[in-house]
Protein backbone atom coordinates (compact mmCIF):
# COMPACT_ATOMS: atom_id res chain seq x y z
CA MET A 1 -16.78 23.89 34.33
CA GLY A 2 -19.34 24.90 36.88
CA THR A 3 -21.12 22.44 39.15
CA SER A 4 -22.19 19.96 36.50
CA ALA A 5 -21.86 16.30 37.46
CA ASP A 6 -20.50 15.71 33.95
CA PRO A 7 -17.92 18.42 33.21
CA LEU A 8 -16.87 16.71 29.98
CA ALA A 9 -20.43 17.05 28.67
CA VAL A 10 -20.22 20.77 29.43
CA LEU A 11 -17.17 20.98 27.17
CA GLY A 12 -19.14 19.18 24.49
CA SER A 13 -21.60 22.05 24.48
CA LEU A 14 -18.99 24.73 23.77
CA PRO A 15 -19.43 26.69 20.53
CA GLY A 16 -18.04 24.82 17.55
CA VAL A 17 -17.43 21.55 19.38
CA ALA A 18 -20.58 19.83 18.13
CA GLU A 19 -19.54 20.67 14.57
CA SER A 20 -16.09 19.16 15.17
CA VAL A 21 -17.63 16.02 16.64
CA GLU A 22 -19.95 15.60 13.65
CA SER A 23 -17.16 16.20 11.15
CA VAL A 24 -15.00 13.58 12.87
CA ARG A 25 -17.84 11.07 12.89
CA LYS A 26 -18.38 11.50 9.16
CA SER A 27 -14.67 11.07 8.42
CA VAL A 28 -14.42 7.94 10.54
CA ASP A 29 -17.59 6.46 9.07
CA ARG A 30 -16.24 7.08 5.57
CA VAL A 31 -13.12 4.98 6.06
CA TYR A 32 -15.01 2.25 7.93
CA GLY A 33 -17.43 2.08 5.03
CA HIS A 34 -14.69 1.56 2.44
CA ARG A 35 -15.06 -1.75 0.61
CA VAL A 36 -11.46 -2.74 1.39
CA MET A 37 -12.25 -2.65 5.12
CA ARG A 38 -14.61 -5.58 4.76
CA ARG A 39 -11.83 -8.02 3.88
CA ARG A 40 -8.51 -6.39 4.76
CA SER A 41 -9.16 -4.45 7.96
CA ASN A 42 -6.23 -6.09 9.77
CA GLU A 43 -3.85 -4.67 7.18
CA ILE A 44 -5.35 -1.20 7.59
CA THR A 45 -5.02 -1.45 11.37
CA SER A 46 -1.35 -2.48 11.11
CA GLU A 47 -0.53 0.31 8.70
CA ALA A 48 -2.41 2.86 10.82
CA ALA A 49 -0.43 1.75 13.88
CA LEU A 50 2.85 2.31 12.06
CA ARG A 51 1.79 5.72 10.78
CA GLY A 52 0.45 6.73 14.16
CA ALA A 53 3.69 5.77 15.89
CA ARG A 54 5.70 7.69 13.30
CA GLY A 55 3.50 10.75 13.85
CA SER A 56 3.76 10.59 17.63
CA ALA A 57 7.54 10.27 17.46
CA ALA A 58 7.69 13.24 15.08
CA LEU A 59 5.87 15.39 17.62
CA SER A 60 8.48 14.33 20.19
CA GLY A 61 11.31 15.46 17.93
CA ALA A 62 12.06 12.33 15.88
CA ASP A 63 10.57 13.24 12.50
CA TRP A 64 11.58 10.21 10.46
CA ALA A 65 10.27 9.24 7.07
CA LEU A 66 7.68 6.49 7.20
CA GLU A 67 9.85 4.09 5.21
CA GLU A 68 12.73 4.60 7.63
CA VAL A 69 10.46 3.62 10.53
CA ARG A 70 9.23 0.65 8.52
CA ARG A 71 12.66 -0.75 7.69
CA ARG A 72 14.55 -0.01 10.91
CA THR A 73 14.98 -2.81 13.45
CA ASP A 74 17.35 -1.21 15.98
CA PHE A 75 15.98 1.74 17.95
CA SER A 76 18.67 2.01 20.62
CA GLY A 77 21.25 4.23 18.98
CA ASP A 78 20.39 7.81 19.92
CA ASP A 79 17.61 9.97 21.34
CA GLU A 80 15.64 10.05 18.08
CA SER A 81 15.90 6.29 17.62
CA ARG A 82 14.77 5.71 21.18
CA ALA A 83 11.79 8.05 20.71
CA VAL A 84 10.67 6.13 17.62
CA GLY A 85 11.16 2.83 19.42
CA ALA A 86 9.12 4.10 22.38
CA ALA A 87 6.29 5.20 20.07
CA LEU A 88 6.21 1.80 18.40
CA ARG A 89 6.19 -0.04 21.73
CA LEU A 90 3.35 2.13 23.02
CA THR A 91 1.29 1.49 19.90
CA ALA A 92 1.70 -2.26 20.38
CA GLU A 93 0.98 -2.12 24.11
CA ALA A 94 -2.03 0.21 24.14
CA GLY A 95 -4.36 -2.34 22.57
CA GLN A 96 -3.67 -4.73 25.45
CA LEU A 97 -4.80 -2.19 28.04
CA LEU A 98 -8.30 -1.35 26.87
CA SER A 99 -10.04 -3.57 29.40
CA ILE A 100 -8.14 -1.97 32.29
CA TRP A 101 -8.46 1.67 31.21
CA ARG A 102 -12.02 2.33 32.39
CA GLN A 103 -11.42 0.65 35.76
CA SER A 104 -7.90 1.86 36.56
CA PRO A 105 -6.63 4.63 34.26
CA LEU A 106 -3.76 5.56 36.57
CA ARG A 107 -2.49 2.00 36.44
CA VAL A 108 -2.62 2.14 32.65
CA LEU A 109 -0.75 5.44 32.54
CA ALA A 110 1.96 3.98 34.76
CA ARG A 111 2.25 0.99 32.43
CA LEU A 112 2.41 3.22 29.36
CA HIS A 113 5.25 5.21 30.89
CA LEU A 114 7.13 2.04 31.79
CA VAL A 115 6.76 0.78 28.21
CA ALA A 116 7.82 4.11 26.73
CA ALA A 117 10.86 4.46 28.96
CA GLY A 118 12.08 0.96 28.18
CA VAL A 119 14.09 0.87 31.42
CA GLN A 120 13.32 0.18 35.03
CA ASP A 121 14.37 2.52 37.81
CA ASP A 122 12.62 4.17 40.72
CA THR A 123 11.41 7.14 38.64
CA VAL A 124 9.69 5.11 35.92
CA GLY A 125 6.02 4.23 36.01
CA ARG A 126 5.03 6.70 38.71
CA PRO A 127 4.17 10.42 38.83
CA ARG A 128 7.13 12.66 39.53
CA LEU A 129 7.94 13.83 43.04
CA ALA A 130 8.69 17.37 44.16
CA GLY A 131 11.97 18.59 42.74
CA GLU A 132 12.32 15.89 40.11
CA PRO A 133 13.12 17.20 36.60
CA VAL A 134 10.99 16.72 33.50
CA ASP A 135 12.41 16.13 30.04
CA GLU A 136 9.69 17.27 27.61
CA PRO A 137 11.25 19.79 25.21
CA VAL A 138 8.20 20.28 22.98
CA VAL A 139 5.96 21.59 25.77
CA GLU A 140 7.09 24.83 27.39
CA LEU A 141 4.10 25.56 29.62
CA PRO A 142 4.76 26.31 33.30
CA LEU A 143 5.29 23.02 35.11
CA PRO A 144 2.64 22.19 37.71
CA SER A 145 3.85 21.14 41.14
CA ALA A 146 3.92 17.47 42.12
CA ASP A 147 1.00 18.06 44.49
CA GLU A 148 -1.07 19.66 41.72
CA VAL A 149 -0.19 16.78 39.39
CA ALA A 150 -1.38 14.23 41.95
CA GLY A 151 -4.67 16.04 42.51
CA ARG A 152 -5.44 16.58 38.85
CA LEU A 153 -4.50 13.02 37.90
CA GLU A 154 -6.91 11.75 40.52
CA GLY A 155 -9.61 14.04 39.14
CA LEU A 156 -8.97 12.84 35.60
CA SER A 157 -9.07 9.24 36.78
CA GLN A 158 -12.44 9.76 38.45
CA LEU A 159 -13.87 11.34 35.32
CA ILE A 160 -12.87 8.30 33.27
CA ILE A 161 -14.08 5.76 35.83
CA SER A 162 -17.41 7.57 36.28
CA GLY A 163 -18.01 7.73 32.54
CA SER A 164 -19.45 10.63 30.61
CA ALA A 165 -22.12 11.43 28.09
CA ALA A 166 -19.58 13.56 26.23
CA PRO A 167 -18.52 12.48 22.73
CA ALA A 168 -15.35 10.42 22.50
CA LEU A 169 -13.53 13.28 20.79
CA VAL A 170 -14.10 15.52 23.81
CA THR A 171 -12.94 12.91 26.32
CA ALA A 172 -9.88 12.00 24.26
CA SER A 173 -8.96 15.67 23.84
CA VAL A 174 -9.19 16.31 27.59
CA VAL A 175 -7.11 13.23 28.45
CA HIS A 176 -4.53 14.26 25.85
CA GLY A 177 -4.43 17.92 26.88
CA GLU A 178 -4.40 17.26 30.61
CA LEU A 179 -1.48 14.84 30.42
CA LEU A 180 0.50 17.22 28.23
CA ALA A 181 -0.19 20.17 30.51
CA LEU A 182 0.64 18.20 33.69
CA ARG A 183 3.66 16.27 32.37
CA PRO A 184 3.22 13.85 35.28
CA PHE A 185 6.27 11.74 34.45
CA GLY A 186 9.92 12.60 34.20
CA SER A 187 10.00 11.77 30.47
CA HIS A 188 7.93 10.63 27.47
CA ASN A 189 4.83 12.57 28.54
CA GLY A 190 3.84 13.48 24.98
CA LEU A 191 4.08 9.89 23.79
CA VAL A 192 2.05 8.68 26.78
CA ALA A 193 -0.57 11.41 26.33
CA ARG A 194 -1.12 10.52 22.69
CA ALA A 195 -1.30 6.80 23.47
CA ALA A 196 -3.89 7.49 26.18
CA ALA A 197 -5.97 9.57 23.78
CA ARG A 198 -5.82 6.69 21.31
CA LEU A 199 -7.13 4.36 24.03
CA VAL A 200 -10.14 6.63 24.51
CA LEU A 201 -10.93 6.79 20.79
CA VAL A 202 -10.70 3.01 20.43
CA GLY A 203 -12.37 2.06 23.69
CA SER A 204 -15.27 4.46 23.15
CA GLY A 205 -16.26 2.71 19.94
CA LEU A 206 -15.54 5.73 17.75
CA ASP A 207 -12.57 3.95 16.16
CA PRO A 208 -12.76 0.36 17.47
CA LYS A 209 -10.29 -1.07 14.94
CA SER A 210 -7.80 1.77 15.54
CA ILE A 211 -7.59 2.74 11.88
CA CYS A 212 -7.70 6.54 12.22
CA PRO A 213 -4.24 7.52 13.54
CA ALA A 214 -4.77 10.96 15.07
CA GLU A 215 -1.06 11.09 15.85
CA ALA A 216 -0.33 11.16 12.12
CA GLY A 217 -2.84 13.98 11.77
CA HIS A 218 -1.23 15.97 14.57
CA ALA A 219 2.16 15.54 12.92
CA GLU A 220 0.73 16.73 9.60
CA LEU A 221 -0.72 19.82 11.26
CA GLY A 222 2.74 20.52 12.70
CA ARG A 223 4.38 20.95 16.06
CA ALA A 224 3.85 24.71 16.12
CA ALA A 225 0.08 24.35 15.70
CA TYR A 226 0.06 21.54 18.25
CA VAL A 227 1.79 23.65 20.88
CA ALA A 228 -0.37 26.70 20.12
CA ALA A 229 -3.56 24.66 20.50
CA LEU A 230 -2.25 23.17 23.75
CA ASP A 231 -1.67 26.69 25.07
CA GLY A 232 -5.39 27.28 24.56
CA TYR A 233 -6.23 24.16 26.52
CA ALA A 234 -3.92 25.14 29.36
CA ALA A 235 -5.44 28.63 29.53
CA GLY A 236 -8.72 26.98 30.46
CA THR A 237 -10.95 29.48 28.67
CA PRO A 238 -14.00 28.24 26.77
CA GLU A 239 -12.46 29.51 23.53
CA GLY A 240 -9.12 27.84 24.25
CA MET A 241 -10.70 24.53 25.21
CA ALA A 242 -12.94 24.55 22.12
CA ALA A 243 -9.94 25.34 19.90
CA TRP A 244 -7.97 22.43 21.37
CA ILE A 245 -10.86 20.02 20.85
CA ALA A 246 -11.27 21.25 17.27
CA HIS A 247 -7.54 20.80 16.67
CA CYS A 248 -7.70 17.23 17.99
CA GLY A 249 -10.75 16.63 15.81
CA LYS A 250 -8.91 17.81 12.72
CA ALA A 251 -6.07 15.43 13.57
CA VAL A 252 -8.50 12.48 13.71
CA GLU A 253 -9.96 13.53 10.36
CA LEU A 254 -6.50 13.65 8.80
CA GLY A 255 -5.72 10.23 10.27
CA ALA A 256 -8.93 8.89 8.74
CA ARG A 257 -7.99 10.45 5.41
CA GLU A 258 -4.60 8.74 5.57
CA SER A 259 -6.18 5.33 6.11
CA THR A 260 -8.67 6.00 3.33
CA ALA A 261 -5.68 6.56 1.04
CA VAL A 262 -4.23 3.25 2.22
CA CYS A 263 -7.53 1.55 1.38
CA GLU A 264 -7.49 3.11 -2.06
CA ALA A 265 -3.91 1.94 -2.65
CA LEU A 266 -4.77 -1.61 -1.59
CA GLN A 267 -7.78 -1.57 -3.87
CA ARG A 268 -5.58 -0.58 -6.78
CA GLY A 269 -3.06 -3.26 -5.84
CA ALA A 270 -0.40 -0.62 -5.36
CA ALA A 271 0.38 -1.31 -1.72
């Protein structure tokens, strides 16, 4: 990223990224401008949270139907149930952490991992140490060392604390991609990465009411496309980074489209 004081802004200037940013902005503005949003935005936010959690769990291997997620109350039975439960807990928790994120992102990431894990032991809520295993079956990239994880997490933290002129989509994509590539925790890295990206989109003001569930969009695009786009991010080439940002942008657009459909259903009285 050269010697720029704002490396995220450099990514924003990559070919095709500005077009992705503009397309996302139009999609988000469209759903925020829907007449239903003026009087029923809380319902849209709640439904988007449910759909986002379902999508994030699907990417972590628990691809349940939305109605199954909606009706289930016990999420302790097996690995898939626990993944869905973790996604739902993260969705509920993330909104409480917005005020802390810009000041102490590493503290927020630790909290997100603790919430996702749902248990307390000496490996939860902290970056992994040398030799500790990682359970993240969806991501098959080479695993960075614990020392590299610590250094890159600190760099990511400083980028967030310092702020950037880059569009929210770019920042969210980098947070998402970096956490997936690093897999800093022993488990639940994908769920945490997607929750952190959601924090950026909401906290930046792009999606302040959290009604555009990018996680649902990622699930719709499919795990294979998700992993392929992540490979581009991890390669670190301008083309790969731009492709990852565009992929994340498409996911936000699909999330916005999903909430627009919810608005339309509410308007018809069918939801």
